[in-house]
C-alpha atoms as a PDB file:
ATOM      1  CA  UNK A   1      57.346  53.958  94.994  1.00  0.00           C
ATOM      2  CA  UNK A   2      57.803  57.828  95.815  1.00  0.00           C
ATOM      3  CA  UNK A   3      59.256  60.394  93.464  1.00  0.00           C
ATOM      4  CA  UNK A   4      59.279  63.922  94.147  1.00  0.00           C
ATOM      5  CA  UNK A   5      60.780  66.657  92.123  1.00  0.00           C
ATOM      6  CA  UNK A   6      60.575  70.240  92.599  1.00  0.00           C
ATOM      7  CA  UNK A   7      62.225  71.392  89.572  1.00  0.00           C
ATOM      8  CA  UNK A   8      60.738  74.111  87.037  1.00  0.00           C
ATOM      9  CA  UNK A   9      60.708  70.417  85.027  1.00  0.00           C
ATOM     10  CA  UNK A  10      59.383  68.305  87.659  1.00  0.00           C
ATOM     11  CA  UNK A  11      57.150  66.533  85.480  1.00  0.00           C
ATOM     12  CA  UNK A  12      59.494  65.864  82.488  1.00  0.00           C
ATOM     13  CA  UNK A  13      61.902  64.563  85.628  1.00  0.00           C
ATOM     14  CA  UNK A  14      58.820  62.374  86.928  1.00  0.00           C
ATOM     15  CA  UNK A  15      58.228  60.875  83.224  1.00  0.00           C
ATOM     16  CA  UNK A  16      61.987  60.398  82.553  1.00  0.00           C
ATOM     17  CA  UNK A  17      62.386  58.538  86.101  1.00  0.00           C
ATOM     18  CA  UNK A  18      58.779  55.979  85.291  1.00  0.00           C
ATOM     19  CA  UNK A  19      60.317  56.098  81.343  1.00  0.00           C
ATOM     20  CA  UNK A  20      63.457  54.452  82.465  1.00  0.00           C
ATOM     21  CA  UNK A  21      62.103  51.487  83.550  1.00  0.00           C
ATOM     22  CA  UNK A  22      62.611  49.716  80.700  1.00  0.00           C
ATOM     23  CA  UNK A  23      61.120  45.915  81.478  1.00  0.00           C
ATOM     24  CA  UNK A  24      58.471  44.292  79.516  1.00  0.00           C
ATOM     25  CA  UNK A  25      57.738  42.386  83.470  1.00  0.00           C
ATOM     26  CA  UNK A  26      56.992  45.201  85.049  1.00  0.00           C
ATOM     27  CA  UNK A  27      54.354  47.885  84.818  1.00  0.00           C
ATOM     28  CA  UNK A  28      53.522  51.205  86.426  1.00  0.00           C
ATOM     29  CA  UNK A  29      50.491  52.891  87.791  1.00  0.00           C
ATOM     30  CA  UNK A  30      49.930  56.473  89.159  1.00  0.00           C
ATOM     31  CA  UNK A  31      47.886  55.866  92.309  1.00  0.00           C
ATOM     32  CA  UNK A  32      48.583  60.044  92.775  1.00  0.00           C
ATOM     33  CA  UNK A  33      51.207  61.958  93.109  1.00  0.00           C
ATOM     34  CA  UNK A  34      53.871  61.428  94.514  1.00  0.00           C
ATOM     35  CA  UNK A  35      53.360  57.942  94.818  1.00  0.00           C
ATOM     36  CA  UNK A  36      53.786  55.267  92.153  1.00  0.00           C
ATOM     37  CA  UNK A  37      52.860  51.407  91.870  1.00  0.00           C
ATOM     38  CA  UNK A  38      54.938  48.922  90.239  1.00  0.00           C
ATOM     39  CA  UNK A  39      53.557  45.748  89.340  1.00  0.00           C
ATOM     40  CA  UNK A  40      56.021  42.872  88.257  1.00  0.00           C
ATOM     41  CA  UNK A  41      54.958  39.855  86.224  1.00  0.00           C
ATOM     42  CA  UNK A  42      57.078  36.932  86.872  1.00  0.00           C
ATOM     43  CA  UNK A  43      56.816  33.119  87.809  1.00  0.00           C
ATOM     44  CA  UNK A  44      59.518  33.439  90.007  1.00  0.00           C
ATOM     45  CA  UNK A  45      58.835  35.120  93.331  1.00  0.00           C
ATOM     46  CA  UNK A  46      62.425  35.517  94.220  1.00  0.00           C
ATOM     47  CA  UNK A  47      63.130  36.759  90.073  1.00  0.00           C
ATOM     48  CA  UNK A  48      60.194  39.195  90.467  1.00  0.00           C
ATOM     49  CA  UNK A  49      61.651  40.850  93.793  1.00  0.00           C
ATOM     50  CA  UNK A  50      64.643  41.724  92.552  1.00  0.00           C
ATOM     51  CA  UNK A  51      63.577  43.093  89.455  1.00  0.00           C
ATOM     52  CA  UNK A  52      61.395  45.176  91.251  1.00  0.00           C
ATOM     53  CA  UNK A  53      64.061  46.424  93.699  1.00  0.00           C
ATOM     54  CA  UNK A  54      66.116  46.747  90.469  1.00  0.00           C
ATOM     55  CA  UNK A  55      63.610  48.781  88.996  1.00  0.00           C
ATOM     56  CA  UNK A  56      62.669  51.205  91.494  1.00  0.00           C
ATOM     57  CA  UNK A  57      66.322  51.768  92.271  1.00  0.00           C
ATOM     58  CA  UNK A  58      67.150  53.150  89.120  1.00  0.00           C
ATOM     59  CA  UNK A  59      63.564  55.140  88.866  1.00  0.00           C
ATOM     60  CA  UNK A  60      64.717  56.577  92.197  1.00  0.00           C
ATOM     61  CA  UNK A  61      68.458  57.363  91.188  1.00  0.00           C
ATOM     62  CA  UNK A  62      67.698  59.141  88.289  1.00  0.00           C
ATOM     63  CA  UNK A  63      65.207  61.854  90.527  1.00  0.00           C
ATOM     64  CA  UNK A  64      67.753  62.190  92.548  1.00  0.00           C
ATOM     65  CA  UNK A  65      70.328  63.154  89.668  1.00  0.00           C
ATOM     66  CA  UNK A  66      68.303  65.722  88.772  1.00  0.00           C
ATOM     67  CA  UNK A  67      67.820  67.165  92.390  1.00  0.00           C
ATOM     68  CA  UNK A  68      64.452  65.479  93.325  1.00  0.00           C
ATOM     69  CA  UNK A  69      63.753  62.632  95.970  1.00  0.00           C
ATOM     70  CA  UNK A  70      62.334  59.247  96.360  1.00  0.00           C
ATOM     71  CA  UNK A  71      61.656  56.640  98.436  1.00  0.00           C
ATOM     72  CA  UNK A  72      60.845  52.699  97.970  1.00  0.00           C
ATOM     73  CA  UNK A  73      57.900  50.840 100.615  1.00  0.00           C
ATOM     74  CA  UNK A  74      56.847  47.585  99.500  1.00  0.00           C
ATOM     75  CA  UNK A  75      53.434  47.902 101.489  1.00  0.00           C
ATOM     76  CA  UNK A  76      51.347  50.766 100.815  1.00  0.00           C
ATOM     77  CA  UNK A  77      50.463  52.695 104.732  1.00  0.00           C
END
């Protein structure tokens, strides 16, 4: 997932977006700004995919509301 904010408080916007992912099954790793990795633990593939997509959508929505931009990629290129 890529999250970008050009606001003066952009770091706080990104932190807010990542902390909005409120799930015990999902952890976030910084690959290197602006790229973040979401890791999901689940016994069911379909549930894991659903959790992953919902978490990414929540974080991206927070950044966009603050004037930034965000994208979700299934695999890193």
